[in-house]
């Protein structure tokens, strides 16, 4: 009987150790390194920093920011210039923050995911058509932060602090809330005013569901609020090979971030040929991850 109790106690200890180890691996994860052994992977909720560099470095350590191009652009645009004055102490926290008018600036790890998804089509367009201007549409520009980051990615090559294979380009930030359009302009002028002065970045009052057909087609489109359904008007504003990142789902319900890639030219390409209508086969849709966004406002 004594032996049985001893074995039972030992088995309980082993079980607890196994459960504890499993919990650690779920919480931290591990990355194998042939030279140094396993290192803990930082998750999104661990990527807050005291400064912009600290925050971006942690996003890179977590494997969320992967590209040197995206990291360089993020380091150029300080998030503290794009949050409300009352939120300055939280500017480099990896969490969404309210910017007024029922809208938020997304968490830094979400912006990093978006940048990583939209960089490949920009690189491909630059390789396929050297010297041709890239065009990016930021729908629901909010306080202007991500629009400015896109601007740093495609600014004139003479202004880039590091060499980049991306073509120069134009970035259009649109929002349905007039006060947010003005806020974006004001925020950019704090430390990134050259983007506005050079025409690299432009902010406009527009209905996000309708996009900005005057400048279409776009190589990349980011939608910063959740659409109840896939926005076909925006999809048709993608150039062939272009990609849109968009959250889709009901307000307060289940939402997912999707990557929509334009692979065909059977339907309308706004700005090129608008005589064929929408063709679903022109697009491949990939579900990226579960999210929670404010709704994409539709103008009456």
Protein backbone atom coordinates (compact mmCIF):
# COMPACT_ATOMS: atom_id res chain seq x y z
CA UNK A 1 0.00 0.00 0.00
CA UNK A 2 2.88 2.35 0.87
CA UNK A 3 4.47 1.66 -2.50
CA UNK A 4 1.18 2.36 -4.28
CA UNK A 5 0.76 5.75 -2.52
CA UNK A 6 4.36 6.68 -3.30
CA UNK A 7 3.84 5.90 -7.01
CA UNK A 8 0.58 7.83 -7.00
CA UNK A 9 2.27 10.89 -5.51
CA UNK A 10 5.13 10.62 -8.00
CA UNK A 11 2.70 10.35 -10.92
CA UNK A 12 0.84 13.44 -9.71
CA UNK A 13 4.11 15.38 -9.55
CA UNK A 14 5.06 14.23 -13.05
CA UNK A 15 1.63 15.22 -14.36
CA UNK A 16 1.93 18.68 -12.80
CA UNK A 17 5.38 19.13 -14.31
CA UNK A 18 4.08 18.13 -17.76
CA UNK A 19 1.14 20.53 -17.49
CA UNK A 20 3.42 23.34 -16.31
CA UNK A 21 5.82 22.76 -19.22
CA UNK A 22 2.94 22.73 -21.69
CA UNK A 23 1.64 25.98 -20.25
CA UNK A 24 5.06 27.60 -20.64
CA UNK A 25 5.36 26.51 -24.26
CA UNK A 26 1.89 27.86 -25.07
CA UNK A 27 2.58 31.15 -23.32
CA UNK A 28 6.05 31.86 -24.71
CA UNK A 29 6.74 29.49 -27.61
CA UNK A 30 10.27 28.68 -28.71
CA UNK A 31 12.40 29.36 -31.78
CA UNK A 32 15.16 26.88 -32.55
CA UNK A 33 18.57 28.31 -33.26
CA UNK A 34 21.27 25.95 -34.44
CA UNK A 35 23.98 27.86 -32.61
CA UNK A 36 22.39 29.04 -29.40
CA UNK A 37 19.58 26.62 -28.58
CA UNK A 38 15.91 27.55 -28.05
CA UNK A 39 14.89 31.13 -27.37
CA UNK A 40 11.48 32.29 -26.14
CA UNK A 41 9.33 33.94 -28.81
CA UNK A 42 7.64 37.17 -27.73
CA UNK A 43 3.93 37.34 -28.48
CA UNK A 44 2.00 40.40 -29.62
CA UNK A 45 0.87 41.34 -26.11
CA UNK A 46 4.52 41.50 -25.03
CA UNK A 47 5.59 44.03 -27.69
CA UNK A 48 4.98 47.26 -25.81
CA UNK A 49 7.96 49.60 -25.47
CA UNK A 50 9.09 52.83 -23.86
CA UNK A 51 10.04 54.40 -27.20
CA UNK A 52 9.23 53.85 -30.87
CA UNK A 53 12.51 51.98 -31.38
CA UNK A 54 11.90 49.81 -28.33
CA UNK A 55 8.41 48.91 -29.57
CA UNK A 56 9.57 48.18 -33.14
CA UNK A 57 12.53 46.12 -31.92
CA UNK A 58 10.17 43.98 -29.83
CA UNK A 59 7.83 43.49 -32.79
CA UNK A 60 10.83 42.31 -34.80
CA UNK A 61 12.02 40.00 -32.00
CA UNK A 62 8.53 38.50 -31.89
CA UNK A 63 8.73 37.71 -35.61
CA UNK A 64 5.81 40.03 -36.43
CA UNK A 65 7.94 42.60 -38.25
CA UNK A 66 10.02 40.49 -40.63
CA UNK A 67 11.13 42.81 -43.43
CA UNK A 68 13.93 45.35 -43.11
CA UNK A 69 11.89 47.67 -45.34
CA UNK A 70 8.93 47.65 -42.96
CA UNK A 71 11.14 47.99 -39.90
CA UNK A 72 12.90 51.01 -41.39
CA UNK A 73 9.57 52.68 -42.22
CA UNK A 74 8.16 52.03 -38.74
CA UNK A 75 11.26 53.51 -37.13
CA UNK A 76 10.80 56.70 -39.17
CA UNK A 77 7.22 57.38 -38.00
CA UNK A 78 6.78 57.84 -34.26
CA UNK A 79 3.38 56.66 -33.05
CA UNK A 80 3.38 59.32 -30.32
CA UNK A 81 2.62 61.92 -32.99
CA UNK A 82 -0.57 60.09 -33.97
CA UNK A 83 -2.33 59.52 -30.65
CA UNK A 84 -4.37 61.96 -28.57
CA UNK A 85 -2.51 64.16 -26.11
CA UNK A 86 -4.21 62.35 -23.25
CA UNK A 87 -2.80 59.03 -24.56
CA UNK A 88 0.84 60.09 -24.93
CA UNK A 89 2.00 57.89 -22.05
CA UNK A 90 0.50 54.87 -23.86
CA UNK A 91 1.73 55.76 -27.36
CA UNK A 92 4.15 52.83 -27.54
CA UNK A 93 1.91 50.27 -25.87
CA UNK A 94 0.96 47.36 -28.11
CA UNK A 95 -2.75 48.05 -27.88
CA UNK A 96 -5.41 50.01 -29.78
CA UNK A 97 -6.13 53.52 -28.52
CA UNK A 98 -9.17 55.77 -28.98
CA UNK A 99 -8.68 58.78 -31.27
CA UNK A 100 -12.20 60.20 -30.93
CA UNK A 101 -15.32 60.07 -33.11
CA UNK A 102 -15.85 56.40 -32.23
CA UNK A 103 -12.59 55.38 -33.93
CA UNK A 104 -9.27 53.92 -32.78
CA UNK A 105 -5.68 53.66 -33.87
CA UNK A 106 -4.98 49.93 -34.22
CA UNK A 107 -2.48 48.07 -32.06
CA UNK A 108 1.10 48.17 -33.44
CA UNK A 109 1.18 44.40 -33.97
CA UNK A 110 -1.89 44.67 -36.23
CA UNK A 111 -0.24 47.39 -38.30
CA UNK A 112 2.85 45.18 -38.54
CA UNK A 113 0.77 42.26 -39.85
CA UNK A 114 -0.77 44.56 -42.48
CA UNK A 115 2.61 45.85 -43.63
CA UNK A 116 4.00 42.34 -44.01
CA UNK A 117 0.98 41.28 -46.09
CA UNK A 118 1.12 44.34 -48.37
CA UNK A 119 4.86 44.52 -48.96
CA UNK A 120 5.04 41.55 -51.43
CA UNK A 121 2.74 43.10 -54.10
CA UNK A 122 4.68 46.37 -53.85
CA UNK A 123 7.96 44.53 -54.35
CA UNK A 124 6.56 42.56 -57.28
CA UNK A 125 5.18 45.67 -58.97
CA UNK A 126 8.57 47.35 -58.51
CA UNK A 127 10.36 44.40 -60.13
CA UNK A 128 7.88 44.05 -62.99
CA UNK A 129 7.67 47.76 -63.80
CA UNK A 130 10.83 49.57 -62.66
CA UNK A 131 10.32 53.31 -62.43
CA UNK A 132 6.50 53.14 -62.45
CA UNK A 133 4.85 54.87 -59.51
CA UNK A 134 3.38 52.59 -56.85
CA UNK A 135 -0.06 53.51 -55.54
CA UNK A 136 -1.38 52.68 -52.07
CA UNK A 137 -4.87 53.39 -50.69
CA UNK A 138 -5.39 53.59 -46.91
CA UNK A 139 -9.13 53.39 -46.22
CA UNK A 140 -10.15 54.76 -42.83
CA UNK A 141 -6.89 56.62 -42.28
CA UNK A 142 -7.95 57.64 -38.76
CA UNK A 143 -5.14 59.66 -37.19
CA UNK A 144 -2.86 59.19 -40.21
CA UNK A 145 -0.26 56.87 -38.67
CA UNK A 146 -0.26 53.93 -41.09
CA UNK A 147 -0.68 56.27 -44.07
CA UNK A 148 2.55 57.99 -43.02
CA UNK A 149 4.33 54.63 -42.63
CA UNK A 150 3.29 53.69 -46.18
CA UNK A 151 4.56 57.09 -47.25
CA UNK A 152 8.01 56.36 -45.81
CA UNK A 153 8.08 53.07 -47.70
CA UNK A 154 7.52 54.72 -51.10
CA UNK A 155 8.98 58.20 -50.57
CA UNK A 156 11.52 59.56 -53.04
CA UNK A 157 14.69 57.47 -53.07
CA UNK A 158 16.84 60.47 -52.23
CA UNK A 159 14.95 60.87 -48.93
CA UNK A 160 15.27 57.22 -47.89
CA UNK A 161 17.80 56.59 -45.15
CA UNK A 162 18.39 53.04 -46.37
CA UNK A 163 18.48 51.58 -49.86
CA UNK A 164 15.20 49.93 -50.87
CA UNK A 165 14.08 48.05 -53.99
CA UNK A 166 10.64 49.67 -53.87
CA UNK A 167 9.68 52.14 -56.57
CA UNK A 168 8.66 55.61 -55.52
CA UNK A 169 4.93 56.05 -55.09
CA UNK A 170 1.85 57.88 -53.87
CA UNK A 171 -0.25 57.09 -50.80
CA UNK A 172 -3.87 58.21 -50.47
CA UNK A 173 -5.44 58.27 -47.02
CA UNK A 174 -9.22 58.61 -46.97
CA UNK A 175 -11.77 58.87 -44.17
CA UNK A 176 -15.47 59.59 -43.92
CA UNK A 177 -15.03 61.75 -40.79
CA UNK A 178 -13.90 65.32 -41.67
CA UNK A 179 -12.30 65.86 -38.27
CA UNK A 180 -10.12 62.77 -38.72
CA UNK A 181 -8.94 63.91 -42.14
CA UNK A 182 -7.85 67.20 -40.57
CA UNK A 183 -6.32 65.35 -37.61
CA UNK A 184 -4.26 63.23 -40.00
CA UNK A 185 -2.90 66.30 -41.75
CA UNK A 186 -2.07 67.97 -38.43
CA UNK A 187 -0.35 64.86 -37.07
CA UNK A 188 1.78 64.28 -40.18
CA UNK A 189 3.00 67.88 -40.08
CA UNK A 190 4.54 67.33 -36.61
CA UNK A 191 7.56 65.35 -37.83
CA UNK A 192 6.61 63.88 -41.23
CA UNK A 193 5.52 67.03 -43.02
CA UNK A 194 7.85 66.36 -45.95
CA UNK A 195 5.50 63.54 -46.99
CA UNK A 196 2.65 66.04 -47.46
CA UNK A 197 4.82 68.79 -48.92
CA UNK A 198 6.28 66.45 -51.54
CA UNK A 199 2.87 65.03 -52.51
CA UNK A 200 3.91 61.51 -51.49
CA UNK A 201 0.95 61.41 -49.08
CA UNK A 202 -2.47 62.95 -49.58
CA UNK A 203 -5.48 62.93 -47.23
CA UNK A 204 -9.06 63.31 -48.45
CA UNK A 205 -12.65 63.14 -47.25
CA UNK A 206 -14.17 60.09 -48.95
CA UNK A 207 -16.61 57.24 -48.34
CA UNK A 208 -14.39 54.25 -47.58
CA UNK A 209 -16.81 51.80 -49.19
CA UNK A 210 -16.38 53.61 -52.51
CA UNK A 211 -12.62 54.10 -52.24
CA UNK A 212 -10.84 56.60 -54.45
CA UNK A 213 -11.48 55.63 -58.09
CA UNK A 214 -9.85 58.83 -59.37
CA UNK A 215 -6.40 57.40 -58.53
CA UNK A 216 -7.10 53.70 -59.19
CA UNK A 217 -5.86 51.10 -59.80
CA UNK A 218 -3.85 50.50 -56.61
CA UNK A 219 -1.05 48.06 -55.92
CA UNK A 220 -2.07 47.82 -52.27
CA UNK A 221 -5.20 48.70 -50.31
CA UNK A 222 -5.51 48.68 -46.53
CA UNK A 223 -8.92 48.93 -44.88
CA UNK A 224 -8.66 50.02 -41.26
CA UNK A 225 -12.21 49.21 -40.15
CA UNK A 226 -14.40 46.14 -40.41
CA UNK A 227 -16.60 45.84 -43.49
CA UNK A 228 -19.84 43.91 -42.97
CA UNK A 229 -19.28 42.25 -46.37
CA UNK A 230 -16.43 42.18 -48.87
CA UNK A 231 -16.29 45.68 -50.46
CA UNK A 232 -16.54 44.99 -54.18
CA UNK A 233 -15.96 48.61 -55.16
CA UNK A 234 -12.58 48.47 -53.45
CA UNK A 235 -11.73 45.07 -54.91
CA UNK A 236 -12.26 46.40 -58.42
CA UNK A 237 -9.83 49.24 -57.64
CA UNK A 238 -6.97 46.74 -57.24
CA UNK A 239 -4.43 46.52 -60.03
CA UNK A 240 -3.69 43.01 -61.35
CA UNK A 241 -1.34 41.46 -58.81
CA UNK A 242 -2.50 43.95 -56.19
CA UNK A 243 -3.51 42.97 -52.67
CA UNK A 244 -6.09 44.32 -50.24
CA UNK A 245 -6.02 43.62 -46.51
CA UNK A 246 -9.47 44.05 -44.99
CA UNK A 247 -11.24 43.00 -41.79
CA UNK A 248 -14.69 41.56 -42.50
CA UNK A 249 -17.48 40.76 -40.06
CA UNK A 250 -20.39 42.32 -38.15
CA UNK A 251 -19.89 45.01 -35.53
CA UNK A 252 -19.51 43.22 -32.19
CA UNK A 253 -19.53 39.79 -33.89
CA UNK A 254 -16.93 37.40 -35.28
CA UNK A 255 -14.47 39.20 -37.55
CA UNK A 256 -11.46 38.02 -39.53
CA UNK A 257 -8.65 39.80 -41.32
CA UNK A 258 -8.55 38.75 -44.98
CA UNK A 259 -5.95 39.12 -47.71
CA UNK A 260 -7.61 39.63 -51.10
CA UNK A 261 -5.31 39.13 -54.07
CA UNK A 262 -6.24 40.16 -57.60
CA UNK A 263 -5.22 37.34 -59.93
CA UNK A 264 -7.43 38.00 -62.97
CA UNK A 265 -8.54 40.73 -65.35
CA UNK A 266 -11.96 39.47 -66.51
CA UNK A 267 -13.86 42.11 -64.56
CA UNK A 268 -13.56 45.85 -64.06
CA UNK A 269 -10.18 47.34 -63.29
CA UNK A 270 -11.18 50.79 -62.13
CA UNK A 271 -9.07 53.40 -63.87
CA UNK A 272 -8.32 51.05 -66.79
CA UNK A 273 -11.48 49.28 -68.01
CA UNK A 274 -14.86 49.69 -66.31
CA UNK A 275 -17.13 47.95 -68.82
CA UNK A 276 -17.22 44.37 -67.47
CA UNK A 277 -18.58 44.58 -63.93
CA UNK A 278 -17.43 42.56 -60.93
CA UNK A 279 -16.02 39.07 -61.55
CA UNK A 280 -15.50 36.93 -58.45
CA UNK A 281 -12.98 34.68 -60.22
CA UNK A 282 -10.57 37.61 -60.48
CA UNK A 283 -9.75 37.29 -56.78
CA UNK A 284 -8.23 34.85 -54.33
CA UNK A 285 -9.24 35.37 -50.72
CA UNK A 286 -7.20 34.17 -47.74
CA UNK A 287 -8.28 34.32 -44.10
CA UNK A 288 -5.37 35.59 -42.00
CA UNK A 289 -6.47 35.81 -38.35
CA UNK A 290 -9.31 36.68 -36.01
CA UNK A 291 -9.61 40.38 -35.17
CA UNK A 292 -11.84 42.98 -33.52
CA UNK A 293 -12.24 46.29 -35.37
CA UNK A 294 -14.63 49.23 -35.28
CA UNK A 295 -17.11 49.14 -38.21
CA UNK A 296 -16.34 50.69 -41.60
CA UNK A 297 -18.76 53.60 -41.68
CA UNK A 298 -20.98 53.79 -44.76
CA UNK A 299 -22.07 57.26 -45.85
CA UNK A 300 -25.82 57.68 -46.21
